[in-house]
Amino acid sequence: ELLARQYEVARVDESKEAPVIQVLDPASPPERRSWPKRTFMVLAATALGLLAAVLATFAQDALETAARDPARQEKLAALRAAWRGRP
């Protein structure tokens, strides 16, 4: 009876020491990349950057034009105050 209990304890201990993950096949790098294509990423980033720069330039020009016109200065001041949450 003592040997049977020791045998069961040994089996439980052995099962706890077993690795949880077994490596079936080691990973190997691919011969060539499939996605994302580096050229596509560079062209897309360049196009988005150019679009953002053009939009920023138009916005800056519109704000400068509005700042020179006295009637629009009041509207712009009201808009800024509303944006900041002041009446």
PDB file of N, CA and C in Angstrom:
ATOM      1  N   GLU A   1       0.829  -1.193   0.000  1.00  0.00           N
ATOM      2  CA  GLU A   1       0.000   0.000   0.000  1.00  0.00           C
ATOM      3  C   GLU A   1       0.873   1.256   0.000  1.00  0.00           C
ATOM      4  N   LEU A   2       1.952   1.248   0.762  1.00  0.00           N
ATOM      5  CA  LEU A   2       2.868   2.386   0.810  1.00  0.00           C
ATOM      6  C   LEU A   2       3.533   2.588  -0.550  1.00  0.00           C
ATOM      7  N   LEU A   3       3.925   1.517  -1.169  1.00  0.00           N
ATOM      8  CA  LEU A   3       4.557   1.618  -2.492  1.00  0.00           C
ATOM      9  C   LEU A   3       3.569   2.132  -3.537  1.00  0.00           C
ATOM     10  N   ALA A   4       2.315   1.746  -3.432  1.00  0.00           N
ATOM     11  CA  ALA A   4       1.300   2.199  -4.389  1.00  0.00           C
ATOM     12  C   ALA A   4       1.101   3.707  -4.258  1.00  0.00           C
ATOM     13  N   ARG A   5       1.066   4.217  -3.015  1.00  0.00           N
ATOM     14  CA  ARG A   5       0.914   5.658  -2.814  1.00  0.00           C
ATOM     15  C   ARG A   5       2.131   6.417  -3.336  1.00  0.00           C
ATOM     16  N   GLN A   6       3.322   5.894  -3.057  1.00  0.00           N
ATOM     17  CA  GLN A   6       4.543   6.542  -3.550  1.00  0.00           C
ATOM     18  C   GLN A   6       4.576   6.527  -5.073  1.00  0.00           C
ATOM     19  N   TYR A   7       4.103   5.431  -5.657  1.00  0.00           N
ATOM     20  CA  TYR A   7       4.060   5.332  -7.113  1.00  0.00           C
ATOM     21  C   TYR A   7       3.106   6.391  -7.694  1.00  0.00           C
ATOM     22  N   GLU A   8       1.949   6.560  -7.096  1.00  0.00           N
ATOM     23  CA  GLU A   8       0.986   7.559  -7.560  1.00  0.00           C
ATOM     24  C   GLU A   8       1.551   8.970  -7.408  1.00  0.00           C
ATOM     25  N   VAL A   9       2.210   9.261  -6.289  1.00  0.00           N
ATOM     26  CA  VAL A   9       2.814  10.576  -6.078  1.00  0.00           C
ATOM     27  C   VAL A   9       3.899  10.820  -7.107  1.00  0.00           C
ATOM     28  N   ALA A  10       4.689   9.797  -7.403  1.00  0.00           N
ATOM     29  CA  ALA A  10       5.750   9.941  -8.407  1.00  0.00           C
ATOM     30  C   ALA A  10       5.157  10.210  -9.784  1.00  0.00           C
ATOM     31  N   ARG A  11       4.053   9.568 -10.123  1.00  0.00           N
ATOM     32  CA  ARG A  11       3.409   9.789 -11.421  1.00  0.00           C
ATOM     33  C   ARG A  11       2.864  11.215 -11.525  1.00  0.00           C
ATOM     34  N   VAL A  12       2.264  11.727 -10.452  1.00  0.00           N
ATOM     35  CA  VAL A  12       1.744  13.094 -10.455  1.00  0.00           C
ATOM     36  C   VAL A  12       2.880  14.089 -10.598  1.00  0.00           C
ATOM     37  N   ASP A  13       3.978  13.861  -9.879  1.00  0.00           N
ATOM     38  CA  ASP A  13       5.143  14.755  -9.982  1.00  0.00           C
ATOM     39  C   ASP A  13       5.716  14.734 -11.391  1.00  0.00           C
ATOM     40  N   GLU A  14       5.762  13.588 -11.987  1.00  0.00           N
ATOM     41  CA  GLU A  14       6.313  13.458 -13.336  1.00  0.00           C
ATOM     42  C   GLU A  14       5.425  14.175 -14.351  1.00  0.00           C
ATOM     43  N   SER A  15       4.125  14.095 -14.162  1.00  0.00           N
ATOM     44  CA  SER A  15       3.222  14.762 -15.107  1.00  0.00           C
ATOM     45  C   SER A  15       3.306  16.283 -14.967  1.00  0.00           C
ATOM     46  N   LYS A  16       3.631  16.787 -13.787  1.00  0.00           N
ATOM     47  CA  LYS A  16       3.783  18.224 -13.592  1.00  0.00           C
ATOM     48  C   LYS A  16       5.048  18.753 -14.253  1.00  0.00           C
ATOM     49  N   GLU A  17       6.054  17.942 -14.399  1.00  0.00           N
ATOM     50  CA  GLU A  17       7.329  18.378 -14.970  1.00  0.00           C
ATOM     51  C   GLU A  17       7.344  18.331 -16.492  1.00  0.00           C
ATOM     52  N   ALA A  18       6.346  17.761 -17.097  1.00  0.00           N
ATOM     53  CA  ALA A  18       6.310  17.636 -18.557  1.00  0.00           C
ATOM     54  C   ALA A  18       6.178  19.026 -19.181  1.00  0.00           C
ATOM     55  N   PRO A  19       6.837  19.259 -20.307  1.00  0.00           N
ATOM     56  CA  PRO A  19       6.715  20.566 -20.966  1.00  0.00           C
ATOM     57  C   PRO A  19       5.291  20.767 -21.494  1.00  0.00           C
ATOM     58  N   VAL A  20       4.812  21.997 -21.381  1.00  0.00           N
ATOM     59  CA  VAL A  20       3.455  22.300 -21.806  1.00  0.00           C
ATOM     60  C   VAL A  20       3.382  22.385 -23.332  1.00  0.00           C
ATOM     61  N   ILE A  21       4.431  22.928 -23.941  1.00  0.00           N
ATOM     62  CA  ILE A  21       4.467  23.094 -25.393  1.00  0.00           C
ATOM     63  C   ILE A  21       5.589  22.230 -25.957  1.00  0.00           C
ATOM     64  N   GLN A  22       5.250  21.466 -26.953  1.00  0.00           N
ATOM     65  CA  GLN A  22       6.267  20.653 -27.617  1.00  0.00           C
ATOM     66  C   GLN A  22       6.507  21.218 -29.017  1.00  0.00           C
ATOM     67  N   VAL A  23       7.763  21.354 -29.385  1.00  0.00           N
ATOM     68  CA  VAL A  23       8.123  21.856 -30.708  1.00  0.00           C
ATOM     69  C   VAL A  23       8.142  20.674 -31.668  1.00  0.00           C
ATOM     70  N   LEU A  24       7.239  20.720 -32.645  1.00  0.00           N
ATOM     71  CA  LEU A  24       7.185  19.641 -33.627  1.00  0.00           C
ATOM     72  C   LEU A  24       8.198  19.869 -34.742  1.00  0.00           C
ATOM     73  N   ASP A  25       8.145  21.066 -35.334  1.00  0.00           N
ATOM     74  CA  ASP A  25       9.086  21.435 -36.385  1.00  0.00           C
ATOM     75  C   ASP A  25       9.634  22.812 -36.041  1.00  0.00           C
ATOM     76  N   PRO A  26      10.950  22.989 -36.072  1.00  0.00           N
ATOM     77  CA  PRO A  26      11.487  24.319 -35.797  1.00  0.00           C
ATOM     78  C   PRO A  26      11.135  25.277 -36.937  1.00  0.00           C
ATOM     79  N   ALA A  27      10.935  26.547 -36.581  1.00  0.00           N
ATOM     80  CA  ALA A  27      10.568  27.556 -37.579  1.00  0.00           C
ATOM     81  C   ALA A  27      11.759  27.901 -38.457  1.00  0.00           C
ATOM     82  N   SER A  28      11.475  28.208 -39.704  1.00  0.00           N
ATOM     83  CA  SER A  28      12.526  28.645 -40.622  1.00  0.00           C
ATOM     84  C   SER A  28      12.012  29.881 -41.355  1.00  0.00           C
ATOM     85  N   PRO A  29      12.901  30.847 -41.623  1.00  0.00           N
ATOM     86  CA  PRO A  29      12.445  32.070 -42.304  1.00  0.00           C
ATOM     87  C   PRO A  29      12.059  31.766 -43.752  1.00  0.00           C
ATOM     88  N   PRO A  30      11.096  32.530 -44.304  1.00  0.00           N
ATOM     89  CA  PRO A  30      10.687  32.299 -45.689  1.00  0.00           C
ATOM     90  C   PRO A  30      11.786  32.730 -46.653  1.00  0.00           C
ATOM     91  N   GLU A  31      11.726  32.208 -47.842  1.00  0.00           N
ATOM     92  CA  GLU A  31      12.717  32.559 -48.853  1.00  0.00           C
ATOM     93  C   GLU A  31      12.542  34.008 -49.313  1.00  0.00           C
ATOM     94  N   ARG A  32      11.301  34.470 -49.389  1.00  0.00           N
ATOM     95  CA  ARG A  32      11.034  35.867 -49.734  1.00  0.00           C
ATOM     96  C   ARG A  32       9.759  36.313 -49.021  1.00  0.00           C
ATOM     97  N   ARG A  33       9.681  37.621 -48.747  1.00  0.00           N
ATOM     98  CA  ARG A  33       8.515  38.159 -48.049  1.00  0.00           C
ATOM     99  C   ARG A  33       7.313  38.159 -48.971  1.00  0.00           C
ATOM    100  N   SER A  34       6.156  37.886 -48.405  1.00  0.00           N
ATOM    101  CA  SER A  34       4.961  37.880 -49.233  1.00  0.00           C
ATOM    102  C   SER A  34       4.163  39.176 -49.082  1.00  0.00           C
ATOM    103  N   TRP A  35       4.034  39.694 -47.874  1.00  0.00           N
ATOM    104  CA  TRP A  35       3.248  40.896 -47.638  1.00  0.00           C
ATOM    105  C   TRP A  35       3.699  41.511 -46.347  1.00  0.00           C
ATOM    106  N   PRO A  36       3.752  42.763 -46.135  1.00  0.00           N
ATOM    107  CA  PRO A  36       3.475  43.852 -47.066  1.00  0.00           C
ATOM    108  C   PRO A  36       4.696  44.149 -47.931  1.00  0.00           C
ATOM    109  N   LYS A  37       4.440  44.554 -49.115  1.00  0.00           N
ATOM    110  CA  LYS A  37       5.515  44.913 -50.036  1.00  0.00           C
ATOM    111  C   LYS A  37       6.115  46.242 -49.596  1.00  0.00           C
ATOM    112  N   ARG A  38       7.416  46.280 -49.509  1.00  0.00           N
ATOM    113  CA  ARG A  38       8.095  47.484 -49.041  1.00  0.00           C
ATOM    114  C   ARG A  38       7.859  48.665 -49.975  1.00  0.00           C
ATOM    115  N   THR A  39       7.871  48.427 -51.279  1.00  0.00           N
ATOM    116  CA  THR A  39       7.654  49.498 -52.252  1.00  0.00           C
ATOM    117  C   THR A  39       6.265  50.102 -52.070  1.00  0.00           C
ATOM    118  N   PHE A  40       5.260  49.254 -51.874  1.00  0.00           N
ATOM    119  CA  PHE A  40       3.891  49.730 -51.669  1.00  0.00           C
ATOM    120  C   PHE A  40       3.804  50.581 -50.411  1.00  0.00           C
ATOM    121  N   MET A  41       4.445  50.143 -49.348  1.00  0.00           N
ATOM    122  CA  MET A  41       4.400  50.891 -48.090  1.00  0.00           C
ATOM    123  C   MET A  41       5.049  52.264 -48.243  1.00  0.00           C
ATOM    124  N   VAL A  42       6.175  52.332 -48.934  1.00  0.00           N
ATOM    125  CA  VAL A  42       6.870  53.612 -49.119  1.00  0.00           C
ATOM    126  C   VAL A  42       6.030  54.557 -49.977  1.00  0.00           C
ATOM    127  N   LEU A  43       5.446  54.049 -51.049  1.00  0.00           N
ATOM    128  CA  LEU A  43       4.621  54.895 -51.916  1.00  0.00           C
ATOM    129  C   LEU A  43       3.359  55.362 -51.194  1.00  0.00           C
ATOM    130  N   ALA A  44       2.731  54.496 -50.422  1.00  0.00           N
ATOM    131  CA  ALA A  44       1.534  54.876 -49.683  1.00  0.00           C
ATOM    132  C   ALA A  44       1.855  55.933 -48.628  1.00  0.00           C
ATOM    133  N   ALA A  45       2.959  55.764 -47.909  1.00  0.00           N
ATOM    134  CA  ALA A  45       3.348  56.743 -46.891  1.00  0.00           C
ATOM    135  C   ALA A  45       3.686  58.090 -47.533  1.00  0.00           C
ATOM    136  N   THR A  46       4.344  58.070 -48.672  1.00  0.00           N
ATOM    137  CA  THR A  46       4.674  59.310 -49.375  1.00  0.00           C
ATOM    138  C   THR A  46       3.409  60.017 -49.840  1.00  0.00           C
ATOM    139  N   ALA A  47       2.471  59.270 -50.399  1.00  0.00           N
ATOM    140  CA  ALA A  47       1.217  59.873 -50.869  1.00  0.00           C
ATOM    141  C   ALA A  47       0.426  60.453 -49.701  1.00  0.00           C
ATOM    142  N   LEU A  48       0.338  59.744 -48.597  1.00  0.00           N
ATOM    143  CA  LEU A  48      -0.390  60.254 -47.432  1.00  0.00           C
ATOM    144  C   LEU A  48       0.289  61.484 -46.848  1.00  0.00           C
ATOM    145  N   GLY A  49       1.613  61.482 -46.818  1.00  0.00           N
ATOM    146  CA  GLY A  49       2.338  62.652 -46.322  1.00  0.00           C
ATOM    147  C   GLY A  49       2.133  63.864 -47.210  1.00  0.00           C
ATOM    148  N   LEU A  50       2.155  63.657 -48.503  1.00  0.00           N
ATOM    149  CA  LEU A  50       1.922  64.751 -49.444  1.00  0.00           C
ATOM    150  C   LEU A  50       0.503  65.298 -49.304  1.00  0.00           C
ATOM    151  N   LEU A  51      -0.476  64.408 -49.169  1.00  0.00           N
ATOM    152  CA  LEU A  51      -1.860  64.837 -48.989  1.00  0.00           C
ATOM    153  C   LEU A  51      -2.021  65.632 -47.691  1.00  0.00           C
ATOM    154  N   ALA A  52      -1.404  65.173 -46.619  1.00  0.00           N
ATOM    155  CA  ALA A  52      -1.486  65.886 -45.340  1.00  0.00           C
ATOM    156  C   ALA A  52      -0.835  67.268 -45.437  1.00  0.00           C
ATOM    157  N   ALA A  53       0.290  67.369 -46.148  1.00  0.00           N
ATOM    158  CA  ALA A  53       0.967  68.655 -46.301  1.00  0.00           C
ATOM    159  C   ALA A  53       0.124  69.634 -47.108  1.00  0.00           C
ATOM    160  N   VAL A  54      -0.520  69.150 -48.158  1.00  0.00           N
ATOM    161  CA  VAL A  54      -1.369  70.018 -48.986  1.00  0.00           C
ATOM    162  C   VAL A  54      -2.567  70.503 -48.175  1.00  0.00           C
ATOM    163  N   LEU A  55      -3.200  69.612 -47.425  1.00  0.00           N
ATOM    164  CA  LEU A  55      -4.344  70.011 -46.607  1.00  0.00           C
ATOM    165  C   LEU A  55      -3.936  71.002 -45.515  1.00  0.00           C
ATOM    166  N   ALA A  56      -2.787  70.793 -44.908  1.00  0.00           N
ATOM    167  CA  ALA A  56      -2.307  71.724 -43.882  1.00  0.00           C
ATOM    168  C   ALA A  56      -2.019  73.090 -44.489  1.00  0.00           C
ATOM    169  N   THR A  57      -1.475  73.121 -45.689  1.00  0.00           N
ATOM    170  CA  THR A  57      -1.186  74.398 -46.357  1.00  0.00           C
ATOM    171  C   THR A  57      -2.480  75.147 -46.679  1.00  0.00           C
ATOM    172  N   PHE A  58      -3.485  74.427 -47.184  1.00  0.00           N
ATOM    173  CA  PHE A  58      -4.772  75.070 -47.464  1.00  0.00           C
ATOM    174  C   PHE A  58      -5.409  75.609 -46.184  1.00  0.00           C
ATOM    175  N   ALA A  59      -5.352  74.853 -45.103  1.00  0.00           N
ATOM    176  CA  ALA A  59      -5.939  75.304 -43.839  1.00  0.00           C
ATOM    177  C   ALA A  59      -5.208  76.529 -43.310  1.00  0.00           C
ATOM    178  N   GLN A  60      -3.890  76.525 -43.397  1.00  0.00           N
ATOM    179  CA  GLN A  60      -3.112  77.665 -42.924  1.00  0.00           C
ATOM    180  C   GLN A  60      -3.418  78.907 -43.767  1.00  0.00           C
ATOM    181  N   ASP A  61      -3.528  78.754 -45.056  1.00  0.00           N
ATOM    182  CA  ASP A  61      -3.844  79.887 -45.931  1.00  0.00           C
ATOM    183  C   ASP A  61      -5.237  80.427 -45.630  1.00  0.00           C
ATOM    184  N   ALA A  62      -6.189  79.545 -45.391  1.00  0.00           N
ATOM    185  CA  ALA A  62      -7.554  79.994 -45.075  1.00  0.00           C
ATOM    186  C   ALA A  62      -7.574  80.761 -43.759  1.00  0.00           C
ATOM    187  N   LEU A  63      -6.833  80.300 -42.772  1.00  0.00           N
ATOM    188  CA  LEU A  63      -6.789  81.006 -41.490  1.00  0.00           C
ATOM    189  C   LEU A  63      -6.092  82.357 -41.601  1.00  0.00           C
ATOM    190  N   GLU A  64      -5.035  82.443 -42.390  1.00  0.00           N
ATOM    191  CA  GLU A  64      -4.342  83.714 -42.579  1.00  0.00           C
ATOM    192  C   GLU A  64      -5.214  84.705 -43.334  1.00  0.00           C
ATOM    193  N   THR A  65      -5.963  84.240 -44.311  1.00  0.00           N
ATOM    194  CA  THR A  65      -6.869  85.106 -45.062  1.00  0.00           C
ATOM    195  C   THR A  65      -7.970  85.616 -44.145  1.00  0.00           C
ATOM    196  N   ALA A  66      -8.482  84.733 -43.298  1.00  0.00           N
ATOM    197  CA  ALA A  66      -9.539  85.133 -42.372  1.00  0.00           C
ATOM    198  C   ALA A  66      -9.007  86.126 -41.339  1.00  0.00           C
ATOM    199  N   ALA A  67      -7.758  86.011 -40.981  1.00  0.00           N
ATOM    200  CA  ALA A  67      -7.183  86.905 -39.977  1.00  0.00           C
ATOM    201  C   ALA A  67      -7.013  88.322 -40.517  1.00  0.00           C
ATOM    202  N   ARG A  68      -6.862  88.470 -41.835  1.00  0.00           N
ATOM    203  CA  ARG A  68      -6.691  89.802 -42.421  1.00  0.00           C
ATOM    204  C   ARG A  68      -8.007  90.539 -42.593  1.00  0.00           C
ATOM    205  N   ASP A  69      -9.107  89.833 -42.689  1.00  0.00           N
ATOM    206  CA  ASP A  69     -10.418  90.446 -42.911  1.00  0.00           C
ATOM    207  C   ASP A  69     -11.057  90.751 -41.555  1.00  0.00           C
ATOM    208  N   PRO A  70     -11.373  92.042 -41.267  1.00  0.00           N
ATOM    209  CA  PRO A  70     -11.925  92.397 -39.943  1.00  0.00           C
ATOM    210  C   PRO A  70     -13.245  91.703 -39.627  1.00  0.00           C
ATOM    211  N   ALA A  71     -14.105  91.543 -40.629  1.00  0.00           N
ATOM    212  CA  ALA A  71     -15.390  90.893 -40.376  1.00  0.00           C
ATOM    213  C   ALA A  71     -15.200  89.426 -40.004  1.00  0.00           C
ATOM    214  N   ARG A  72     -14.245  88.798 -40.634  1.00  0.00           N
ATOM    215  CA  ARG A  72     -14.002  87.389 -40.351  1.00  0.00           C
ATOM    216  C   ARG A  72     -13.207  87.198 -39.068  1.00  0.00           C
ATOM    217  N   GLN A  73     -12.505  88.244 -38.634  1.00  0.00           N
ATOM    218  CA  GLN A  73     -11.758  88.140 -37.378  1.00  0.00           C
ATOM    219  C   GLN A  73     -12.698  87.914 -36.208  1.00  0.00           C
ATOM    220  N   GLU A  74     -13.847  88.585 -36.239  1.00  0.00           N
ATOM    221  CA  GLU A  74     -14.824  88.415 -35.168  1.00  0.00           C
ATOM    222  C   GLU A  74     -15.381  86.996 -35.170  1.00  0.00           C
ATOM    223  N   LYS A  75     -15.688  86.499 -36.359  1.00  0.00           N
ATOM    224  CA  LYS A  75     -16.198  85.131 -36.465  1.00  0.00           C
ATOM    225  C   LYS A  75     -15.149  84.123 -35.997  1.00  0.00           C
ATOM    226  N   LEU A  76     -13.905  84.377 -36.368  1.00  0.00           N
ATOM    227  CA  LEU A  76     -12.823  83.487 -35.972  1.00  0.00           C
ATOM    228  C   LEU A  76     -12.611  83.519 -34.463  1.00  0.00           C
ATOM    229  N   ALA A  77     -12.718  84.693 -33.863  1.00  0.00           N
ATOM    230  CA  ALA A  77     -12.584  84.810 -32.409  1.00  0.00           C
ATOM    231  C   ALA A  77     -13.723  84.078 -31.714  1.00  0.00           C
ATOM    232  N   ALA A  78     -14.938  84.195 -32.244  1.00  0.00           N
ATOM    233  CA  ALA A  78     -16.086  83.480 -31.661  1.00  0.00           C
ATOM    234  C   ALA A  78     -15.908  81.970 -31.796  1.00  0.00           C
ATOM    235  N   LEU A  79     -15.377  81.549 -32.919  1.00  0.00           N
ATOM    236  CA  LEU A  79     -15.129  80.124 -33.131  1.00  0.00           C
ATOM    237  C   LEU A  79     -14.074  79.596 -32.165  1.00  0.00           C
ATOM    238  N   ARG A  80     -13.007  80.362 -31.970  1.00  0.00           N
ATOM    239  CA  ARG A  80     -11.971  79.955 -31.024  1.00  0.00           C
ATOM    240  C   ARG A  80     -12.505  79.897 -29.595  1.00  0.00           C
ATOM    241  N   ALA A  81     -13.334  80.872 -29.234  1.00  0.00           N
ATOM    242  CA  ALA A  81     -13.919  80.879 -27.892  1.00  0.00           C
ATOM    243  C   ALA A  81     -14.854  79.691 -27.704  1.00  0.00           C
ATOM    244  N   ALA A  82     -15.622  79.376 -28.726  1.00  0.00           N
ATOM    245  CA  ALA A  82     -16.523  78.212 -28.644  1.00  0.00           C
ATOM    246  C   ALA A  82     -15.725  76.915 -28.552  1.00  0.00           C
ATOM    247  N   TRP A  83     -14.630  76.855 -29.254  1.00  0.00           N
ATOM    248  CA  TRP A  83     -13.784  75.658 -29.232  1.00  0.00           C
ATOM    249  C   TRP A  83     -13.193  75.446 -27.839  1.00  0.00           C
ATOM    250  N   ARG A  84     -12.832  76.533 -27.180  1.00  0.00           N
ATOM    251  CA  ARG A  84     -12.260  76.449 -25.836  1.00  0.00           C
ATOM    252  C   ARG A  84     -13.329  76.304 -24.755  1.00  0.00           C
ATOM    253  N   GLY A  85     -14.586  76.456 -25.118  1.00  0.00           N
ATOM    254  CA  GLY A  85     -15.675  76.285 -24.174  1.00  0.00           C
ATOM    255  C   GLY A  85     -16.053  77.548 -23.426  1.00  0.00           C
ATOM    256  N   ARG A  86     -15.663  78.684 -23.940  1.00  0.00           N
ATOM    257  CA  ARG A  86     -16.016  79.962 -23.311  1.00  0.00           C
ATOM    258  C   ARG A  86     -17.122  80.628 -24.137  1.00  0.00           C
ATOM    259  N   PRO A  87     -18.041  81.329 -23.476  1.00  0.00           N
ATOM    260  CA  PRO A  87     -19.119  82.007 -24.228  1.00  0.00           C
ATOM    261  C   PRO A  87     -18.638  83.262 -24.922  1.00  0.00           C
TER     262      PRO A  87
END
